[in-house]
N, C-alpha and C. Protein backbone atom coordinates (compact mmCIF):
# COMPACT_ATOMS: atom_id res chain seq x y z
N MET A 1 76.81 143.87 -156.95
CA MET A 1 75.65 143.03 -157.03
C MET A 1 74.63 143.38 -155.99
N ARG A 2 73.39 143.61 -156.35
CA ARG A 2 72.38 144.00 -155.43
C ARG A 2 71.68 142.74 -154.85
N PHE A 3 71.59 142.70 -153.55
CA PHE A 3 71.03 141.55 -152.87
C PHE A 3 69.62 141.90 -152.33
N ALA A 4 68.67 141.02 -152.55
CA ALA A 4 67.42 141.09 -151.81
C ALA A 4 67.64 140.27 -150.53
N THR A 5 66.80 140.53 -149.57
CA THR A 5 67.03 139.87 -148.25
C THR A 5 65.74 139.34 -147.64
N ILE A 6 65.85 138.17 -147.06
CA ILE A 6 64.78 137.61 -146.20
C ILE A 6 65.32 137.61 -144.80
N LEU A 7 64.59 138.18 -143.85
CA LEU A 7 65.05 138.30 -142.47
C LEU A 7 64.18 137.46 -141.54
N ALA A 8 64.82 137.05 -140.44
CA ALA A 8 64.13 136.43 -139.29
C ALA A 8 63.28 135.25 -139.71
N LEU A 9 63.90 134.29 -140.42
CA LEU A 9 63.17 133.08 -140.72
C LEU A 9 63.38 132.11 -139.57
N THR A 10 62.61 132.33 -138.48
CA THR A 10 62.76 131.54 -137.25
C THR A 10 61.61 130.58 -137.13
N GLY A 11 60.84 130.68 -136.06
CA GLY A 11 59.75 129.76 -135.86
C GLY A 11 60.17 128.42 -135.24
N PHE A 12 61.33 128.37 -134.55
CA PHE A 12 61.83 127.14 -134.00
C PHE A 12 61.93 127.24 -132.51
N ALA A 13 61.13 128.10 -131.86
CA ALA A 13 61.30 128.33 -130.44
C ALA A 13 60.59 127.27 -129.62
N ALA A 14 59.70 126.45 -130.21
CA ALA A 14 59.01 125.44 -129.45
C ALA A 14 60.00 124.36 -129.06
N ALA A 15 59.50 123.42 -128.16
CA ALA A 15 60.40 122.37 -127.74
C ALA A 15 60.78 121.50 -128.90
N ILE A 16 62.08 121.42 -129.19
CA ILE A 16 62.62 120.68 -130.34
C ILE A 16 63.66 119.69 -129.82
N PRO A 17 63.63 118.47 -130.27
CA PRO A 17 64.63 117.50 -129.80
C PRO A 17 66.00 117.87 -130.22
N THR A 18 66.97 117.61 -129.39
CA THR A 18 68.36 117.90 -129.70
C THR A 18 68.96 116.78 -130.53
N PRO A 19 69.50 117.13 -131.71
CA PRO A 19 70.11 116.11 -132.52
C PRO A 19 71.36 115.55 -131.87
N GLN A 20 71.59 114.29 -132.03
CA GLN A 20 72.79 113.67 -131.40
C GLN A 20 74.05 114.35 -131.98
N GLY A 21 74.89 114.82 -131.08
CA GLY A 21 76.13 115.39 -131.47
C GLY A 21 76.00 116.81 -131.99
N GLY A 22 74.86 117.52 -131.73
CA GLY A 22 74.67 118.87 -132.22
C GLY A 22 74.15 119.78 -131.11
N PRO A 23 74.01 121.08 -131.39
CA PRO A 23 73.49 122.01 -130.42
C PRO A 23 72.00 121.85 -130.25
N SER A 24 71.42 122.57 -129.29
CA SER A 24 69.98 122.49 -129.05
C SER A 24 69.21 123.23 -130.12
N GLY A 25 68.05 122.71 -130.49
CA GLY A 25 67.21 123.34 -131.51
C GLY A 25 66.70 124.71 -131.04
N HIS A 26 66.69 124.97 -129.76
CA HIS A 26 66.24 126.27 -129.24
C HIS A 26 67.22 127.38 -129.69
N ASP A 27 68.45 127.00 -129.97
CA ASP A 27 69.50 127.97 -130.15
C ASP A 27 69.96 128.15 -131.59
N VAL A 28 69.32 127.49 -132.53
CA VAL A 28 69.74 127.60 -133.94
C VAL A 28 68.58 128.10 -134.80
N THR A 29 68.84 129.16 -135.53
CA THR A 29 67.78 129.72 -136.46
C THR A 29 68.50 130.24 -137.71
N ILE A 30 67.69 130.33 -138.79
CA ILE A 30 68.12 131.04 -139.93
C ILE A 30 67.83 132.53 -139.66
N GLU A 31 68.85 133.33 -139.49
CA GLU A 31 68.64 134.73 -139.11
C GLU A 31 68.37 135.62 -140.37
N GLY A 32 68.88 135.20 -141.52
CA GLY A 32 68.62 135.95 -142.73
C GLY A 32 69.20 135.29 -143.96
N ILE A 33 68.58 135.57 -145.11
CA ILE A 33 69.04 135.08 -146.39
C ILE A 33 69.11 136.25 -147.32
N ALA A 34 70.26 136.51 -147.94
CA ALA A 34 70.39 137.54 -148.95
C ALA A 34 70.68 136.81 -150.26
N PHE A 35 70.10 137.30 -151.37
CA PHE A 35 70.31 136.61 -152.65
C PHE A 35 70.28 137.61 -153.83
N ALA A 36 70.97 137.22 -154.89
CA ALA A 36 71.00 138.02 -156.11
C ALA A 36 71.39 137.14 -157.27
N GLY A 37 70.86 137.45 -158.48
CA GLY A 37 71.21 136.71 -159.67
C GLY A 37 70.07 136.53 -160.59
N SER A 38 70.36 136.11 -161.84
CA SER A 38 69.31 135.96 -162.82
C SER A 38 68.26 134.91 -162.49
N GLY A 39 68.61 133.95 -161.60
CA GLY A 39 67.70 132.88 -161.24
C GLY A 39 66.92 133.19 -160.00
N CYS A 40 67.16 134.33 -159.35
CA CYS A 40 66.50 134.59 -158.05
C CYS A 40 66.18 136.08 -157.93
N PRO A 41 65.25 136.60 -158.68
CA PRO A 41 64.86 138.02 -158.48
C PRO A 41 64.22 138.21 -157.10
N ALA A 42 64.05 139.48 -156.73
CA ALA A 42 63.52 139.81 -155.41
C ALA A 42 62.20 139.09 -155.16
N GLY A 43 62.06 138.53 -153.96
CA GLY A 43 60.86 137.86 -153.55
C GLY A 43 60.69 136.45 -154.05
N SER A 44 61.75 135.88 -154.63
CA SER A 44 61.58 134.54 -155.29
C SER A 44 62.24 133.41 -154.51
N VAL A 45 62.84 133.64 -153.35
CA VAL A 45 63.52 132.63 -152.60
C VAL A 45 62.98 132.50 -151.15
N ALA A 46 62.82 131.31 -150.69
CA ALA A 46 62.40 131.04 -149.33
C ALA A 46 63.32 129.98 -148.75
N GLY A 47 63.55 130.08 -147.43
CA GLY A 47 64.43 129.09 -146.77
C GLY A 47 63.81 128.55 -145.51
N GLN A 48 64.12 127.29 -145.17
CA GLN A 48 63.60 126.70 -143.97
C GLN A 48 64.64 125.79 -143.40
N LEU A 49 64.80 125.87 -142.07
CA LEU A 49 65.67 124.94 -141.31
C LEU A 49 64.88 123.89 -140.62
N SER A 50 65.20 122.64 -140.79
CA SER A 50 64.46 121.58 -140.16
C SER A 50 64.53 121.60 -138.65
N SER A 51 63.54 121.03 -137.98
CA SER A 51 63.50 121.11 -136.53
C SER A 51 64.64 120.38 -135.82
N ASP A 52 65.23 119.38 -136.54
CA ASP A 52 66.38 118.69 -135.95
C ASP A 52 67.73 119.26 -136.42
N LEU A 53 67.67 120.39 -137.11
CA LEU A 53 68.87 121.12 -137.50
C LEU A 53 69.76 120.40 -138.50
N THR A 54 69.22 119.44 -139.21
CA THR A 54 70.07 118.62 -140.13
C THR A 54 69.87 118.99 -141.57
N THR A 55 68.85 119.77 -141.91
CA THR A 55 68.69 120.16 -143.32
C THR A 55 68.29 121.60 -143.46
N VAL A 56 68.75 122.25 -144.52
CA VAL A 56 68.28 123.57 -144.91
C VAL A 56 67.67 123.43 -146.28
N THR A 57 66.38 123.74 -146.44
CA THR A 57 65.71 123.62 -147.72
C THR A 57 65.51 125.04 -148.34
N LEU A 58 65.92 125.18 -149.57
CA LEU A 58 65.76 126.44 -150.32
C LEU A 58 64.82 126.26 -151.45
N LEU A 59 63.83 127.19 -151.60
CA LEU A 59 62.84 127.11 -152.70
C LEU A 59 63.02 128.34 -153.57
N TYR A 60 63.09 128.15 -154.86
CA TYR A 60 63.25 129.23 -155.85
C TYR A 60 62.07 129.22 -156.77
N ASP A 61 61.43 130.39 -156.93
CA ASP A 61 60.24 130.50 -157.85
C ASP A 61 60.64 130.66 -159.33
N SER A 62 61.84 131.21 -159.54
CA SER A 62 62.18 131.64 -160.90
C SER A 62 63.46 131.05 -161.44
N PHE A 63 63.92 129.98 -160.85
CA PHE A 63 65.22 129.41 -161.22
C PHE A 63 65.00 128.34 -162.30
N VAL A 64 64.84 128.76 -163.56
CA VAL A 64 64.52 127.89 -164.64
C VAL A 64 65.37 128.23 -165.87
N ALA A 65 66.08 127.30 -166.39
CA ALA A 65 66.78 127.46 -167.66
C ALA A 65 65.96 126.86 -168.79
N GLN A 66 65.91 127.64 -169.92
CA GLN A 66 65.10 127.22 -171.09
C GLN A 66 65.88 127.47 -172.35
N ALA A 67 65.56 126.68 -173.35
CA ALA A 67 66.09 126.87 -174.68
C ALA A 67 65.03 126.48 -175.70
N GLY A 68 65.14 127.05 -176.92
CA GLY A 68 64.18 126.69 -177.97
C GLY A 68 63.84 127.87 -178.83
N LYS A 69 62.93 127.71 -179.71
CA LYS A 69 62.53 128.75 -180.68
C LYS A 69 62.00 129.96 -179.95
N ASN A 70 62.47 131.13 -180.33
CA ASN A 70 62.06 132.42 -179.78
C ASN A 70 62.45 132.66 -178.32
N ILE A 71 63.32 131.80 -177.77
CA ILE A 71 63.75 131.98 -176.36
C ILE A 71 65.18 132.58 -176.46
N PRO A 72 65.43 133.76 -175.83
CA PRO A 72 66.69 134.39 -175.92
C PRO A 72 67.81 133.61 -175.26
N ALA A 73 69.05 133.85 -175.67
CA ALA A 73 70.22 133.11 -175.18
C ALA A 73 70.38 133.33 -173.65
N SER A 74 69.89 134.47 -173.14
CA SER A 74 70.06 134.75 -171.72
C SER A 74 69.31 133.76 -170.85
N GLN A 75 68.36 132.96 -171.42
CA GLN A 75 67.57 132.00 -170.66
C GLN A 75 68.20 130.64 -170.57
N TYR A 76 69.33 130.43 -171.35
CA TYR A 76 69.98 129.11 -171.34
C TYR A 76 70.68 128.82 -170.03
N ARG A 77 71.04 129.84 -169.29
CA ARG A 77 71.72 129.68 -168.00
C ARG A 77 71.18 130.63 -167.00
N LYS A 78 70.91 130.15 -165.77
CA LYS A 78 70.47 131.01 -164.65
C LYS A 78 71.34 130.77 -163.47
N ASN A 79 71.63 131.77 -162.68
CA ASN A 79 72.46 131.59 -161.49
C ASN A 79 71.88 132.37 -160.33
N CYS A 80 72.30 131.97 -159.14
CA CYS A 80 71.88 132.64 -157.91
C CYS A 80 72.94 132.55 -156.87
N GLN A 81 73.32 133.72 -156.31
CA GLN A 81 74.27 133.80 -155.21
C GLN A 81 73.52 134.04 -153.91
N LEU A 82 73.63 133.10 -152.94
CA LEU A 82 72.93 133.26 -151.68
C LEU A 82 73.93 133.41 -150.51
N ASN A 83 73.54 134.20 -149.54
CA ASN A 83 74.29 134.30 -148.29
C ASN A 83 73.30 133.97 -147.16
N ILE A 84 73.56 132.84 -146.49
CA ILE A 84 72.66 132.36 -145.47
C ILE A 84 73.32 132.55 -144.08
N LYS A 85 72.71 133.32 -143.21
CA LYS A 85 73.24 133.53 -141.91
C LYS A 85 72.49 132.68 -140.89
N LEU A 86 73.21 131.70 -140.30
CA LEU A 86 72.69 130.87 -139.27
C LEU A 86 73.15 131.41 -137.90
N LYS A 87 72.21 131.56 -136.98
CA LYS A 87 72.53 131.91 -135.61
C LYS A 87 72.62 130.65 -134.76
N TYR A 88 73.74 130.39 -134.10
CA TYR A 88 73.90 129.17 -133.33
C TYR A 88 74.88 129.47 -132.19
N PRO A 89 74.95 128.57 -131.14
CA PRO A 89 75.80 128.84 -129.96
C PRO A 89 77.28 128.83 -130.33
N SER A 90 78.05 129.64 -129.57
CA SER A 90 79.48 129.58 -129.72
C SER A 90 80.01 128.20 -129.25
N GLY A 91 81.12 127.79 -129.83
CA GLY A 91 81.63 126.48 -129.50
C GLY A 91 81.21 125.40 -130.48
N TRP A 92 80.37 125.74 -131.41
CA TRP A 92 79.91 124.78 -132.44
C TRP A 92 80.28 125.28 -133.83
N GLN A 93 80.44 124.34 -134.76
CA GLN A 93 80.61 124.70 -136.18
C GLN A 93 79.89 123.65 -137.00
N PHE A 94 79.52 124.03 -138.22
CA PHE A 94 78.74 123.11 -139.09
C PHE A 94 79.32 123.10 -140.49
N SER A 95 78.88 122.11 -141.25
CA SER A 95 79.29 121.98 -142.62
C SER A 95 78.12 121.37 -143.46
N VAL A 96 78.22 121.50 -144.77
CA VAL A 96 77.25 120.84 -145.65
C VAL A 96 77.95 119.62 -146.18
N PHE A 97 77.31 118.42 -146.03
CA PHE A 97 77.96 117.19 -146.51
C PHE A 97 77.19 116.47 -147.64
N LYS A 98 75.97 116.95 -147.92
CA LYS A 98 75.19 116.34 -149.01
C LYS A 98 74.18 117.31 -149.52
N ALA A 99 73.84 117.21 -150.80
CA ALA A 99 72.81 118.14 -151.44
C ALA A 99 71.91 117.31 -152.31
N ASP A 100 70.61 117.59 -152.21
CA ASP A 100 69.58 116.99 -153.11
C ASP A 100 69.07 118.04 -154.11
N TYR A 101 68.90 117.59 -155.31
CA TYR A 101 68.25 118.38 -156.37
C TYR A 101 67.04 117.56 -156.84
N ARG A 102 65.86 118.15 -156.84
CA ARG A 102 64.64 117.44 -157.29
C ARG A 102 63.96 118.29 -158.32
N GLY A 103 63.45 117.70 -159.38
CA GLY A 103 62.73 118.44 -160.36
C GLY A 103 62.36 117.76 -161.62
N TYR A 104 62.30 118.54 -162.66
CA TYR A 104 61.86 118.04 -163.96
C TYR A 104 62.80 118.53 -165.03
N ALA A 105 63.10 117.72 -166.00
CA ALA A 105 64.00 118.12 -167.12
C ALA A 105 63.43 117.62 -168.42
N GLN A 106 63.45 118.47 -169.41
CA GLN A 106 63.11 118.10 -170.80
C GLN A 106 64.29 118.45 -171.63
N ILE A 107 65.10 117.47 -171.97
CA ILE A 107 66.40 117.72 -172.63
C ILE A 107 66.50 116.82 -173.90
N PRO A 108 66.68 117.43 -175.08
CA PRO A 108 66.71 116.66 -176.30
C PRO A 108 67.99 115.88 -176.47
N SER A 109 68.02 114.95 -177.37
CA SER A 109 69.18 114.16 -177.60
C SER A 109 70.38 115.04 -178.04
N GLY A 110 71.55 114.76 -177.45
CA GLY A 110 72.73 115.53 -177.76
C GLY A 110 72.95 116.72 -176.86
N ASP A 111 71.94 117.13 -176.04
CA ASP A 111 72.07 118.21 -175.12
C ASP A 111 72.32 117.70 -173.69
N THR A 112 72.72 118.62 -172.82
CA THR A 112 73.01 118.28 -171.41
C THR A 112 72.45 119.36 -170.51
N GLY A 113 71.86 118.96 -169.42
CA GLY A 113 71.43 119.91 -168.35
C GLY A 113 72.35 119.74 -167.17
N THR A 114 72.74 120.85 -166.59
CA THR A 114 73.66 120.86 -165.44
C THR A 114 73.08 121.67 -164.24
N CYS A 115 73.08 121.10 -163.08
CA CYS A 115 72.79 121.82 -161.82
C CYS A 115 74.08 121.82 -161.03
N LYS A 116 74.54 122.95 -160.64
CA LYS A 116 75.80 123.06 -159.92
C LYS A 116 75.67 124.02 -158.70
N ALA A 117 76.27 123.66 -157.62
CA ALA A 117 76.30 124.56 -156.46
C ALA A 117 77.71 124.55 -155.81
N THR A 118 78.21 125.76 -155.50
CA THR A 118 79.49 125.89 -154.84
C THR A 118 79.28 126.48 -153.46
N TYR A 119 79.90 125.90 -152.44
CA TYR A 119 79.72 126.28 -151.06
C TYR A 119 81.03 126.84 -150.45
N TYR A 120 80.91 127.91 -149.73
CA TYR A 120 82.06 128.43 -148.97
C TYR A 120 81.57 129.35 -147.89
N PHE A 121 82.43 129.55 -146.86
CA PHE A 121 82.09 130.43 -145.78
C PHE A 121 82.85 131.75 -145.93
N SER A 122 82.22 132.84 -145.60
CA SER A 122 82.83 134.14 -145.66
C SER A 122 84.11 134.15 -144.85
N GLY A 123 85.20 134.69 -145.44
CA GLY A 123 86.49 134.74 -144.74
C GLY A 123 87.31 133.47 -144.91
N ASP A 124 86.81 132.45 -145.62
CA ASP A 124 87.57 131.24 -145.81
C ASP A 124 87.70 131.01 -147.35
N SER A 125 88.91 130.72 -147.78
CA SER A 125 89.18 130.56 -149.22
C SER A 125 88.77 129.16 -149.71
N LYS A 126 88.57 128.20 -148.81
CA LYS A 126 88.25 126.86 -149.23
C LYS A 126 86.82 126.73 -149.71
N GLN A 127 86.60 125.97 -150.81
CA GLN A 127 85.31 125.78 -151.38
C GLN A 127 85.05 124.33 -151.69
N ILE A 128 83.75 123.92 -151.75
CA ILE A 128 83.41 122.62 -152.28
C ILE A 128 82.32 122.86 -153.27
N SER A 129 82.25 122.00 -154.27
CA SER A 129 81.17 122.09 -155.33
C SER A 129 80.48 120.75 -155.52
N SER A 130 79.19 120.80 -155.85
CA SER A 130 78.44 119.64 -156.24
C SER A 130 77.86 119.89 -157.62
N THR A 131 77.89 118.88 -158.49
CA THR A 131 77.39 119.03 -159.85
C THR A 131 76.53 117.80 -160.19
N SER A 132 75.33 118.09 -160.69
CA SER A 132 74.45 117.06 -161.21
C SER A 132 74.25 117.27 -162.69
N ILE A 133 74.48 116.22 -163.49
CA ILE A 133 74.40 116.30 -164.92
C ILE A 133 73.32 115.36 -165.46
N ILE A 134 72.49 115.82 -166.34
CA ILE A 134 71.41 115.05 -166.92
C ILE A 134 71.65 115.09 -168.45
N LYS A 135 71.84 113.97 -169.08
CA LYS A 135 72.09 113.87 -170.54
C LYS A 135 70.80 113.52 -171.31
N GLY A 136 70.60 114.23 -172.41
CA GLY A 136 69.45 113.90 -173.27
C GLY A 136 69.69 112.72 -174.13
N PRO A 137 68.62 112.06 -174.63
CA PRO A 137 67.25 112.52 -174.40
C PRO A 137 66.71 112.16 -173.04
N TYR A 138 65.98 113.11 -172.43
CA TYR A 138 65.43 112.90 -171.11
C TYR A 138 64.19 113.77 -171.01
N ASP A 139 63.12 113.23 -170.54
CA ASP A 139 61.87 113.96 -170.35
C ASP A 139 61.10 113.35 -169.16
N ASP A 140 61.45 113.74 -167.93
CA ASP A 140 60.89 113.14 -166.79
C ASP A 140 61.29 113.93 -165.53
N ASN A 141 60.69 113.58 -164.39
CA ASN A 141 61.16 114.08 -163.13
C ASN A 141 62.52 113.46 -162.81
N TYR A 142 63.25 114.10 -161.93
CA TYR A 142 64.56 113.53 -161.53
C TYR A 142 64.84 113.84 -160.07
N ILE A 143 65.67 113.04 -159.50
CA ILE A 143 66.20 113.30 -158.15
C ILE A 143 67.70 113.03 -158.23
N LYS A 144 68.49 114.02 -157.87
CA LYS A 144 69.94 113.90 -157.88
C LYS A 144 70.47 114.19 -156.48
N THR A 145 71.38 113.35 -156.01
CA THR A 145 71.98 113.52 -154.69
C THR A 145 73.51 113.57 -154.88
N ASP A 146 74.12 114.65 -154.35
CA ASP A 146 75.57 114.79 -154.39
C ASP A 146 76.12 114.78 -152.98
N LYS A 147 77.11 113.90 -152.76
CA LYS A 147 77.75 113.78 -151.43
C LYS A 147 79.17 114.28 -151.50
N PHE A 148 79.59 114.95 -150.47
CA PHE A 148 80.96 115.48 -150.38
C PHE A 148 81.80 114.57 -149.50
N GLY A 149 83.02 114.24 -149.96
CA GLY A 149 83.94 113.45 -149.22
C GLY A 149 84.48 114.21 -147.97
N VAL A 150 84.89 113.44 -146.99
CA VAL A 150 85.39 114.05 -145.76
C VAL A 150 86.57 115.00 -146.06
N GLU A 151 87.38 114.63 -147.01
CA GLU A 151 88.58 115.45 -147.30
C GLU A 151 88.22 116.78 -147.94
N SER A 152 87.00 116.90 -148.47
CA SER A 152 86.63 118.15 -149.14
C SER A 152 85.66 119.00 -148.32
N THR A 153 85.24 118.56 -147.15
CA THR A 153 84.30 119.24 -146.35
C THR A 153 84.83 120.58 -145.86
N VAL A 154 84.01 121.65 -145.92
CA VAL A 154 84.40 122.94 -145.37
C VAL A 154 83.52 123.19 -144.13
N TRP A 155 84.18 123.68 -143.05
CA TRP A 155 83.47 123.95 -141.79
C TRP A 155 83.37 125.44 -141.58
N SER A 156 82.27 125.84 -140.88
CA SER A 156 82.12 127.26 -140.53
C SER A 156 83.19 127.63 -139.53
N PRO A 157 83.62 128.91 -139.48
CA PRO A 157 84.68 129.30 -138.56
C PRO A 157 84.20 129.21 -137.08
N CYS A 158 85.15 128.96 -136.21
CA CYS A 158 84.85 128.96 -134.80
C CYS A 158 84.95 130.37 -134.22
N GLY A 159 84.15 130.63 -133.21
CA GLY A 159 84.24 131.93 -132.56
C GLY A 159 83.34 133.00 -133.16
N VAL A 160 82.80 132.79 -134.31
CA VAL A 160 81.88 133.74 -135.01
C VAL A 160 80.76 132.93 -135.65
N GLU A 161 79.65 133.65 -135.92
CA GLU A 161 78.58 132.99 -136.64
C GLU A 161 78.92 132.83 -138.07
N GLY A 162 78.68 131.65 -138.62
CA GLY A 162 79.12 131.34 -139.97
C GLY A 162 78.15 131.86 -140.99
N LEU A 163 78.66 132.64 -141.97
CA LEU A 163 77.88 133.08 -143.10
C LEU A 163 78.13 132.15 -144.26
N LEU A 164 77.15 131.25 -144.56
CA LEU A 164 77.32 130.24 -145.60
C LEU A 164 76.88 130.86 -146.95
N ASN A 165 77.82 130.77 -147.90
CA ASN A 165 77.56 131.27 -149.23
C ASN A 165 77.30 130.09 -150.19
N ILE A 166 76.28 130.18 -150.98
CA ILE A 166 75.94 129.13 -151.98
C ILE A 166 75.75 129.82 -153.35
N ASN A 167 76.62 129.48 -154.27
CA ASN A 167 76.51 130.03 -155.60
C ASN A 167 76.02 128.89 -156.51
N SER A 168 74.74 128.98 -157.00
CA SER A 168 74.09 127.93 -157.74
C SER A 168 73.85 128.33 -159.18
N GLU A 169 73.81 127.32 -160.07
CA GLU A 169 73.45 127.64 -161.44
C GLU A 169 72.76 126.41 -162.04
N VAL A 170 71.84 126.68 -163.04
CA VAL A 170 71.28 125.67 -163.87
C VAL A 170 71.61 126.04 -165.32
N ARG A 171 71.99 125.09 -166.16
CA ARG A 171 72.53 125.40 -167.46
C ARG A 171 72.13 124.34 -168.48
N LEU A 172 71.81 124.79 -169.69
CA LEU A 172 71.57 123.89 -170.80
C LEU A 172 72.65 124.05 -171.86
N SER A 173 73.24 122.95 -172.30
CA SER A 173 74.30 123.05 -173.28
C SER A 173 74.32 121.80 -174.23
N PRO A 174 74.80 121.93 -175.45
CA PRO A 174 75.04 123.22 -176.11
C PRO A 174 73.69 123.90 -176.42
N PRO A 175 73.62 125.23 -176.32
CA PRO A 175 72.34 125.89 -176.62
C PRO A 175 71.92 125.71 -178.07
N ASP A 176 70.73 125.27 -178.28
CA ASP A 176 70.21 125.02 -179.66
C ASP A 176 68.84 125.62 -179.78
N ALA A 177 68.72 126.68 -180.55
CA ALA A 177 67.44 127.43 -180.59
C ALA A 177 66.36 126.61 -181.35
N THR A 178 66.72 125.52 -181.99
CA THR A 178 65.71 124.70 -182.72
C THR A 178 65.06 123.61 -181.90
N LYS A 179 65.67 123.26 -180.77
CA LYS A 179 65.18 122.15 -179.94
C LYS A 179 64.66 122.73 -178.61
N PRO A 180 63.40 122.52 -178.28
CA PRO A 180 62.89 122.97 -176.96
C PRO A 180 63.56 122.21 -175.81
N ALA A 181 63.95 122.91 -174.79
CA ALA A 181 64.58 122.29 -173.60
C ALA A 181 64.19 123.04 -172.38
N LEU A 182 64.17 122.35 -171.25
CA LEU A 182 63.75 122.94 -169.99
C LEU A 182 64.47 122.24 -168.87
N LEU A 183 64.97 122.97 -167.87
CA LEU A 183 65.58 122.39 -166.66
C LEU A 183 65.10 123.19 -165.44
N THR A 184 64.29 122.57 -164.61
CA THR A 184 63.81 123.22 -163.41
C THR A 184 63.74 122.15 -162.30
N VAL A 185 63.04 122.48 -161.22
CA VAL A 185 63.02 121.50 -160.17
C VAL A 185 61.64 121.18 -159.66
N ASP A 186 60.60 121.40 -160.29
CA ASP A 186 59.29 120.93 -159.89
C ASP A 186 58.40 120.99 -161.08
N SER A 187 57.93 119.85 -161.55
CA SER A 187 57.19 119.79 -162.77
C SER A 187 55.83 120.46 -162.69
N THR A 188 55.33 120.68 -161.45
CA THR A 188 54.01 121.28 -161.29
C THR A 188 54.08 122.80 -161.16
N ASP A 189 54.91 123.31 -160.25
CA ASP A 189 54.91 124.75 -160.01
C ASP A 189 56.22 125.42 -160.38
N LEU A 190 57.16 124.68 -161.02
CA LEU A 190 58.41 125.20 -161.53
C LEU A 190 59.23 125.83 -160.37
N LYS A 191 59.20 125.26 -159.24
CA LYS A 191 60.02 125.73 -158.13
C LYS A 191 61.33 124.94 -158.10
N PHE A 192 62.46 125.63 -158.05
CA PHE A 192 63.75 124.97 -157.99
C PHE A 192 63.98 124.71 -156.46
N THR A 193 64.27 123.48 -156.12
CA THR A 193 64.45 123.09 -154.77
C THR A 193 65.80 122.49 -154.50
N GLN A 194 66.49 122.98 -153.48
CA GLN A 194 67.73 122.38 -153.01
C GLN A 194 67.55 122.03 -151.58
N ILE A 195 68.04 120.82 -151.14
CA ILE A 195 68.01 120.44 -149.75
C ILE A 195 69.47 120.17 -149.37
N HIS A 196 69.94 120.89 -148.38
CA HIS A 196 71.31 120.85 -147.93
C HIS A 196 71.37 120.20 -146.54
N TYR A 197 72.18 119.12 -146.44
CA TYR A 197 72.24 118.35 -145.19
C TYR A 197 73.45 118.84 -144.39
N LEU A 198 73.16 119.15 -143.06
CA LEU A 198 74.20 119.71 -142.20
C LEU A 198 74.71 118.66 -141.21
N GLN A 199 75.97 118.84 -140.82
CA GLN A 199 76.55 118.06 -139.72
C GLN A 199 77.22 119.09 -138.81
N TRP A 200 77.26 118.75 -137.47
CA TRP A 200 77.78 119.61 -136.48
C TRP A 200 78.91 118.97 -135.72
N GLN A 201 79.83 119.80 -135.20
CA GLN A 201 80.89 119.32 -134.35
C GLN A 201 81.29 120.48 -133.41
N THR A 202 81.89 120.10 -132.30
CA THR A 202 82.38 121.16 -131.37
C THR A 202 83.72 121.66 -131.89
N CYS A 203 84.03 122.89 -131.54
CA CYS A 203 85.20 123.56 -132.08
C CYS A 203 86.54 122.95 -131.54
N ASN A 204 86.51 122.24 -130.48
CA ASN A 204 87.75 121.67 -129.94
C ASN A 204 88.10 120.31 -130.56
N LYS A 205 87.29 119.88 -131.53
CA LYS A 205 87.62 118.58 -132.20
C LYS A 205 88.77 118.74 -133.18
């Protein structure tokens, strides 16, 4: 799989308040994002880390599933595999505990739209997944929030910088070429947006 890469997404060197129970904002940056898949061609993904280190926002220009007349079956499902490298001080580890999906869906009666994301760290076999399902008929903006239970949380490894992997997909089912359908995340500019909420802890906990 060929990955496109965004490097040095920093811009957090100014004075930033330290989140309670987390490392200093001076010391945490997104060092790089690599991505590949039908939903994220080269140049179509941007990432931003909030100043308080509690959220990672990802923007996708081309992550749109469509169905309907003259639309090929390859458009019914789109996926994107991302590798996000966070640079942060030794002695800390982080996890994703909640995810937001915001956007627009046009789904006919009898059809279903699905947004799914699977999270894992390189070198660790444990995974967690979040799934948001929208059942038709539906024609409106939507906001979906998925929370992960404590028992299912995965933490970045201690002693090394954590490479967070996110495998995302948007899907329309059952595919019906006679009914127009659309699943994206911004009704105006068709940008797929995910917001991932982070929590931090020291490695000796």
